[in-house]
């Protein structure tokens, strides 16, 4: 009988430890599945894609926040991609005024993305209303075809008066190489 009472508290303690370990197995919290997640909404070798999320008590403000966030993310992707392309091109080729061309190419890209992102397509929009919190949540997903963006950049380079003919030629060559990669 004495053996039985000493095992019972030990068994009880072991049960508590197991339950505690199981309850802490998800230390980050519950996983949330938001709209527009997955490969279909991520950038690829053919598209720049982004998703924005906006929360507000006002439906229009929530939509504007989501729209702004998605477009800002696209602009970052375009700028980062173009910077990498220009850097790689200028490292591979020996151009006397490489830093100047790089600066003008970056400036052209920023100007294009700040004024208008060409061929921007909304690929999804979802709106939710939480009555308990009296709040709207809006998700917006956009995409841009990379080849359309590079063609637009090329067109802008041709019309920019601040770029010399030699710099324009180099910028067009960089863009042509990227367009060839996209077509392969």
C-alpha atoms as a PDB file:
ATOM      1  CA  UNK A   1       0.000   0.000   0.000  1.00  0.00           C
ATOM      2  CA  UNK A   2       2.867   2.349   0.761  1.00  0.00           C
ATOM      3  CA  UNK A   3       4.257   1.844  -2.737  1.00  0.00           C
ATOM      4  CA  UNK A   4       0.964   2.831  -4.294  1.00  0.00           C
ATOM      5  CA  UNK A   5       0.798   6.255  -2.582  1.00  0.00           C
ATOM      6  CA  UNK A   6       4.345   7.158  -3.590  1.00  0.00           C
ATOM      7  CA  UNK A   7       3.640   6.323  -7.243  1.00  0.00           C
ATOM      8  CA  UNK A   8       0.406   8.302  -7.385  1.00  0.00           C
ATOM      9  CA  UNK A   9       1.980  11.769  -6.712  1.00  0.00           C
ATOM     10  CA  UNK A  10       4.775  10.946  -9.130  1.00  0.00           C
ATOM     11  CA  UNK A  11       2.258   9.955 -11.813  1.00  0.00           C
ATOM     12  CA  UNK A  12       0.266  13.136 -11.123  1.00  0.00           C
ATOM     13  CA  UNK A  13       3.404  15.301 -11.455  1.00  0.00           C
ATOM     14  CA  UNK A  14       4.385  13.542 -14.682  1.00  0.00           C
ATOM     15  CA  UNK A  15       0.892  14.139 -16.133  1.00  0.00           C
ATOM     16  CA  UNK A  16       1.102  17.866 -15.328  1.00  0.00           C
ATOM     17  CA  UNK A  17       4.523  18.146 -16.979  1.00  0.00           C
ATOM     18  CA  UNK A  18       3.255  16.422 -20.141  1.00  0.00           C
ATOM     19  CA  UNK A  19       0.201  18.696 -20.371  1.00  0.00           C
ATOM     20  CA  UNK A  20       2.359  21.778 -19.817  1.00  0.00           C
ATOM     21  CA  UNK A  21       4.757  20.695 -22.550  1.00  0.00           C
ATOM     22  CA  UNK A  22       1.898  20.102 -24.977  1.00  0.00           C
ATOM     23  CA  UNK A  23       0.302  23.461 -24.306  1.00  0.00           C
ATOM     24  CA  UNK A  24       3.608  25.290 -24.966  1.00  0.00           C
ATOM     25  CA  UNK A  25       4.267  23.465 -28.225  1.00  0.00           C
ATOM     26  CA  UNK A  26       2.967  26.472 -30.192  1.00  0.00           C
ATOM     27  CA  UNK A  27       4.975  29.233 -28.546  1.00  0.00           C
ATOM     28  CA  UNK A  28       4.389  31.741 -31.363  1.00  0.00           C
ATOM     29  CA  UNK A  29       0.603  31.717 -31.147  1.00  0.00           C
ATOM     30  CA  UNK A  30      -2.028  30.659 -33.622  1.00  0.00           C
ATOM     31  CA  UNK A  31      -1.045  30.709 -37.284  1.00  0.00           C
ATOM     32  CA  UNK A  32      -2.987  33.256 -39.316  1.00  0.00           C
ATOM     33  CA  UNK A  33      -3.863  32.649 -42.947  1.00  0.00           C
ATOM     34  CA  UNK A  34      -4.204  36.030 -44.603  1.00  0.00           C
ATOM     35  CA  UNK A  35      -5.662  36.561 -48.059  1.00  0.00           C
ATOM     36  CA  UNK A  36      -3.304  36.681 -51.038  1.00  0.00           C
ATOM     37  CA  UNK A  37      -0.583  34.522 -49.532  1.00  0.00           C
ATOM     38  CA  UNK A  38       1.292  31.852 -51.413  1.00  0.00           C
ATOM     39  CA  UNK A  39       3.298  31.559 -54.624  1.00  0.00           C
ATOM     40  CA  UNK A  40       0.593  33.085 -56.795  1.00  0.00           C
ATOM     41  CA  UNK A  41       1.043  36.415 -54.985  1.00  0.00           C
ATOM     42  CA  UNK A  42       4.848  36.439 -54.736  1.00  0.00           C
ATOM     43  CA  UNK A  43       7.256  37.990 -57.223  1.00  0.00           C
ATOM     44  CA  UNK A  44       8.644  35.651 -59.841  1.00  0.00           C
ATOM     45  CA  UNK A  45      10.998  35.795 -62.802  1.00  0.00           C
ATOM     46  CA  UNK A  46       8.153  37.307 -64.917  1.00  0.00           C
ATOM     47  CA  UNK A  47       6.280  39.491 -62.422  1.00  0.00           C
ATOM     48  CA  UNK A  48       6.803  41.929 -59.595  1.00  0.00           C
ATOM     49  CA  UNK A  49       3.986  41.278 -57.078  1.00  0.00           C
ATOM     50  CA  UNK A  50       3.000  42.722 -53.747  1.00  0.00           C
ATOM     51  CA  UNK A  51       0.215  42.672 -51.189  1.00  0.00           C
ATOM     52  CA  UNK A  52      -0.866  45.524 -48.963  1.00  0.00           C
ATOM     53  CA  UNK A  53      -2.967  45.492 -45.813  1.00  0.00           C
ATOM     54  CA  UNK A  54      -4.787  48.440 -44.278  1.00  0.00           C
ATOM     55  CA  UNK A  55      -6.809  48.755 -41.060  1.00  0.00           C
ATOM     56  CA  UNK A  56      -9.079  51.616 -40.076  1.00  0.00           C
ATOM     57  CA  UNK A  57     -12.512  52.475 -38.729  1.00  0.00           C
ATOM     58  CA  UNK A  58     -13.115  54.205 -42.055  1.00  0.00           C
ATOM     59  CA  UNK A  59     -13.465  51.880 -45.036  1.00  0.00           C
ATOM     60  CA  UNK A  60     -11.859  54.308 -47.515  1.00  0.00           C
ATOM     61  CA  UNK A  61      -8.891  54.956 -45.217  1.00  0.00           C
ATOM     62  CA  UNK A  62      -8.316  51.197 -44.828  1.00  0.00           C
ATOM     63  CA  UNK A  63      -8.408  50.795 -48.609  1.00  0.00           C
ATOM     64  CA  UNK A  64      -6.004  53.720 -49.133  1.00  0.00           C
ATOM     65  CA  UNK A  65      -3.551  52.284 -46.588  1.00  0.00           C
ATOM     66  CA  UNK A  66      -3.594  48.866 -48.275  1.00  0.00           C
ATOM     67  CA  UNK A  67      -3.178  50.459 -51.704  1.00  0.00           C
ATOM     68  CA  UNK A  68      -0.262  52.615 -50.559  1.00  0.00           C
ATOM     69  CA  UNK A  69       1.496  49.736 -48.808  1.00  0.00           C
ATOM     70  CA  UNK A  70       1.207  47.445 -51.852  1.00  0.00           C
ATOM     71  CA  UNK A  71       2.463  50.123 -54.258  1.00  0.00           C
ATOM     72  CA  UNK A  72       5.356  51.063 -51.960  1.00  0.00           C
ATOM     73  CA  UNK A  73       6.402  47.411 -51.811  1.00  0.00           C
ATOM     74  CA  UNK A  74       6.306  47.179 -55.614  1.00  0.00           C
ATOM     75  CA  UNK A  75       8.407  50.332 -55.957  1.00  0.00           C
ATOM     76  CA  UNK A  76      11.000  48.873 -53.540  1.00  0.00           C
ATOM     77  CA  UNK A  77      11.170  45.656 -55.533  1.00  0.00           C
ATOM     78  CA  UNK A  78      11.589  47.501 -58.825  1.00  0.00           C
ATOM     79  CA  UNK A  79      14.297  49.789 -57.403  1.00  0.00           C
ATOM     80  CA  UNK A  80      16.176  46.889 -55.820  1.00  0.00           C
ATOM     81  CA  UNK A  81      15.978  44.801 -58.982  1.00  0.00           C
ATOM     82  CA  UNK A  82      17.101  47.629 -61.245  1.00  0.00           C
ATOM     83  CA  UNK A  83      19.967  48.535 -58.913  1.00  0.00           C
ATOM     84  CA  UNK A  84      21.189  44.930 -58.948  1.00  0.00           C
ATOM     85  CA  UNK A  85      20.891  44.768 -62.745  1.00  0.00           C
ATOM     86  CA  UNK A  86      22.782  48.034 -63.250  1.00  0.00           C
ATOM     87  CA  UNK A  87      25.519  47.095 -60.772  1.00  0.00           C
ATOM     88  CA  UNK A  88      26.015  43.707 -62.398  1.00  0.00           C
ATOM     89  CA  UNK A  89      26.125  45.179 -65.909  1.00  0.00           C
ATOM     90  CA  UNK A  90      28.575  47.909 -64.959  1.00  0.00           C
ATOM     91  CA  UNK A  91      30.830  45.415 -63.175  1.00  0.00           C
ATOM     92  CA  UNK A  92      30.870  43.088 -66.194  1.00  0.00           C
ATOM     93  CA  UNK A  93      31.618  45.813 -68.725  1.00  0.00           C
ATOM     94  CA  UNK A  94      34.292  48.434 -68.625  1.00  0.00           C
ATOM     95  CA  UNK A  95      32.516  51.746 -68.858  1.00  0.00           C
ATOM     96  CA  UNK A  96      34.541  54.880 -68.149  1.00  0.00           C
ATOM     97  CA  UNK A  97      31.776  56.796 -66.396  1.00  0.00           C
ATOM     98  CA  UNK A  98      30.120  53.773 -64.743  1.00  0.00           C
ATOM     99  CA  UNK A  99      29.188  55.535 -61.513  1.00  0.00           C
ATOM    100  CA  UNK A 100      27.612  58.416 -63.406  1.00  0.00           C
ATOM    101  CA  UNK A 101      25.575  56.053 -65.584  1.00  0.00           C
ATOM    102  CA  UNK A 102      24.563  54.048 -62.521  1.00  0.00           C
ATOM    103  CA  UNK A 103      23.403  57.220 -60.741  1.00  0.00           C
ATOM    104  CA  UNK A 104      21.375  58.362 -63.744  1.00  0.00           C
ATOM    105  CA  UNK A 105      19.854  54.912 -64.233  1.00  0.00           C
ATOM    106  CA  UNK A 106      18.871  54.796 -60.551  1.00  0.00           C
ATOM    107  CA  UNK A 107      17.474  58.309 -60.767  1.00  0.00           C
ATOM    108  CA  UNK A 108      15.446  57.401 -63.854  1.00  0.00           C
ATOM    109  CA  UNK A 109      14.063  54.322 -62.111  1.00  0.00           C
ATOM    110  CA  UNK A 110      13.078  56.272 -58.995  1.00  0.00           C
ATOM    111  CA  UNK A 111      11.421  58.912 -61.129  1.00  0.00           C
ATOM    112  CA  UNK A 112       9.456  56.296 -63.072  1.00  0.00           C
ATOM    113  CA  UNK A 113       8.303  54.437 -59.966  1.00  0.00           C
ATOM    114  CA  UNK A 114       7.434  57.666 -58.153  1.00  0.00           C
ATOM    115  CA  UNK A 115       5.337  59.041 -60.989  1.00  0.00           C
ATOM    116  CA  UNK A 116       3.730  55.953 -62.451  1.00  0.00           C
ATOM    117  CA  UNK A 117       4.319  52.273 -62.203  1.00  0.00           C
ATOM    118  CA  UNK A 118       3.660  51.018 -65.700  1.00  0.00           C
ATOM    119  CA  UNK A 119       1.266  48.173 -66.421  1.00  0.00           C
ATOM    120  CA  UNK A 120       0.091  47.972 -62.805  1.00  0.00           C
ATOM    121  CA  UNK A 121      -2.669  45.394 -62.409  1.00  0.00           C
ATOM    122  CA  UNK A 122      -4.806  44.777 -59.363  1.00  0.00           C
ATOM    123  CA  UNK A 123      -5.021  41.013 -59.019  1.00  0.00           C
ATOM    124  CA  UNK A 124      -7.166  40.966 -55.914  1.00  0.00           C
ATOM    125  CA  UNK A 125      -8.945  42.960 -53.252  1.00  0.00           C
ATOM    126  CA  UNK A 126     -10.715  41.695 -50.147  1.00  0.00           C
ATOM    127  CA  UNK A 127     -12.470  43.704 -47.471  1.00  0.00           C
ATOM    128  CA  UNK A 128     -13.417  42.587 -43.954  1.00  0.00           C
ATOM    129  CA  UNK A 129     -15.382  44.307 -41.216  1.00  0.00           C
ATOM    130  CA  UNK A 130     -14.912  43.426 -37.540  1.00  0.00           C
ATOM    131  CA  UNK A 131     -18.065  44.595 -35.730  1.00  0.00           C
ATOM    132  CA  UNK A 132     -16.551  44.043 -32.258  1.00  0.00           C
ATOM    133  CA  UNK A 133     -13.654  46.399 -32.972  1.00  0.00           C
ATOM    134  CA  UNK A 134     -15.638  48.574 -35.427  1.00  0.00           C
ATOM    135  CA  UNK A 135     -12.765  48.264 -37.884  1.00  0.00           C
ATOM    136  CA  UNK A 136     -12.291  47.545 -41.584  1.00  0.00           C
ATOM    137  CA  UNK A 137      -9.361  45.522 -42.888  1.00  0.00           C
ATOM    138  CA  UNK A 138      -8.588  45.658 -46.596  1.00  0.00           C
ATOM    139  CA  UNK A 139      -6.111  43.541 -48.546  1.00  0.00           C
ATOM    140  CA  UNK A 140      -4.983  44.525 -52.043  1.00  0.00           C
ATOM    141  CA  UNK A 141      -2.666  42.573 -54.362  1.00  0.00           C
ATOM    142  CA  UNK A 142      -0.892  44.082 -57.387  1.00  0.00           C
ATOM    143  CA  UNK A 143       1.401  42.810 -60.091  1.00  0.00           C
ATOM    144  CA  UNK A 144       3.534  44.306 -62.851  1.00  0.00           C
ATOM    145  CA  UNK A 145       4.952  42.379 -65.780  1.00  0.00           C
ATOM    146  CA  UNK A 146       8.698  42.816 -65.639  1.00  0.00           C
ATOM    147  CA  UNK A 147       9.080  43.123 -69.405  1.00  0.00           C
ATOM    148  CA  UNK A 148       6.454  45.910 -69.519  1.00  0.00           C
ATOM    149  CA  UNK A 149       8.269  47.741 -66.720  1.00  0.00           C
ATOM    150  CA  UNK A 150      11.624  47.514 -68.506  1.00  0.00           C
ATOM    151  CA  UNK A 151      10.093  48.652 -71.806  1.00  0.00           C
ATOM    152  CA  UNK A 152       8.584  51.635 -70.021  1.00  0.00           C
ATOM    153  CA  UNK A 153      11.983  52.434 -68.480  1.00  0.00           C
ATOM    154  CA  UNK A 154      13.553  52.267 -71.927  1.00  0.00           C
ATOM    155  CA  UNK A 155      10.933  54.652 -73.314  1.00  0.00           C
ATOM    156  CA  UNK A 156      11.551  57.066 -70.437  1.00  0.00           C
ATOM    157  CA  UNK A 157      15.322  56.911 -71.013  1.00  0.00           C
ATOM    158  CA  UNK A 158      14.817  57.883 -74.652  1.00  0.00           C
ATOM    159  CA  UNK A 159      12.795  60.964 -73.728  1.00  0.00           C
ATOM    160  CA  UNK A 160      14.870  62.147 -70.741  1.00  0.00           C
ATOM    161  CA  UNK A 161      16.794  65.268 -71.772  1.00  0.00           C
ATOM    162  CA  UNK A 162      19.229  65.043 -68.828  1.00  0.00           C
ATOM    163  CA  UNK A 163      20.818  61.837 -70.132  1.00  0.00           C
ATOM    164  CA  UNK A 164      23.589  62.088 -72.707  1.00  0.00           C
ATOM    165  CA  UNK A 165      23.531  59.921 -75.834  1.00  0.00           C
ATOM    166  CA  UNK A 166      26.327  57.667 -74.514  1.00  0.00           C
ATOM    167  CA  UNK A 167      24.542  57.190 -71.180  1.00  0.00           C
ATOM    168  CA  UNK A 168      21.229  56.571 -72.944  1.00  0.00           C
ATOM    169  CA  UNK A 169      22.866  53.939 -75.127  1.00  0.00           C
ATOM    170  CA  UNK A 170      24.327  52.169 -72.085  1.00  0.00           C
ATOM    171  CA  UNK A 171      21.021  52.299 -70.194  1.00  0.00           C
ATOM    172  CA  UNK A 172      19.175  50.894 -73.216  1.00  0.00           C
ATOM    173  CA  UNK A 173      21.766  48.120 -73.498  1.00  0.00           C
ATOM    174  CA  UNK A 174      21.236  47.217 -69.818  1.00  0.00           C
ATOM    175  CA  UNK A 175      17.475  47.129 -70.338  1.00  0.00           C
ATOM    176  CA  UNK A 176      17.781  45.103 -73.555  1.00  0.00           C
ATOM    177  CA  UNK A 177      19.849  42.476 -71.739  1.00  0.00           C
ATOM    178  CA  UNK A 178      17.191  42.195 -69.040  1.00  0.00           C
ATOM    179  CA  UNK A 179      14.436  41.917 -71.638  1.00  0.00           C
ATOM    180  CA  UNK A 180      16.376  39.107 -73.351  1.00  0.00           C
ATOM    181  CA  UNK A 181      16.679  37.255 -70.029  1.00  0.00           C
ATOM    182  CA  UNK A 182      12.926  37.552 -69.474  1.00  0.00           C
ATOM    183  CA  UNK A 183      12.161  36.162 -72.923  1.00  0.00           C
ATOM    184  CA  UNK A 184      14.380  33.099 -72.424  1.00  0.00           C
END
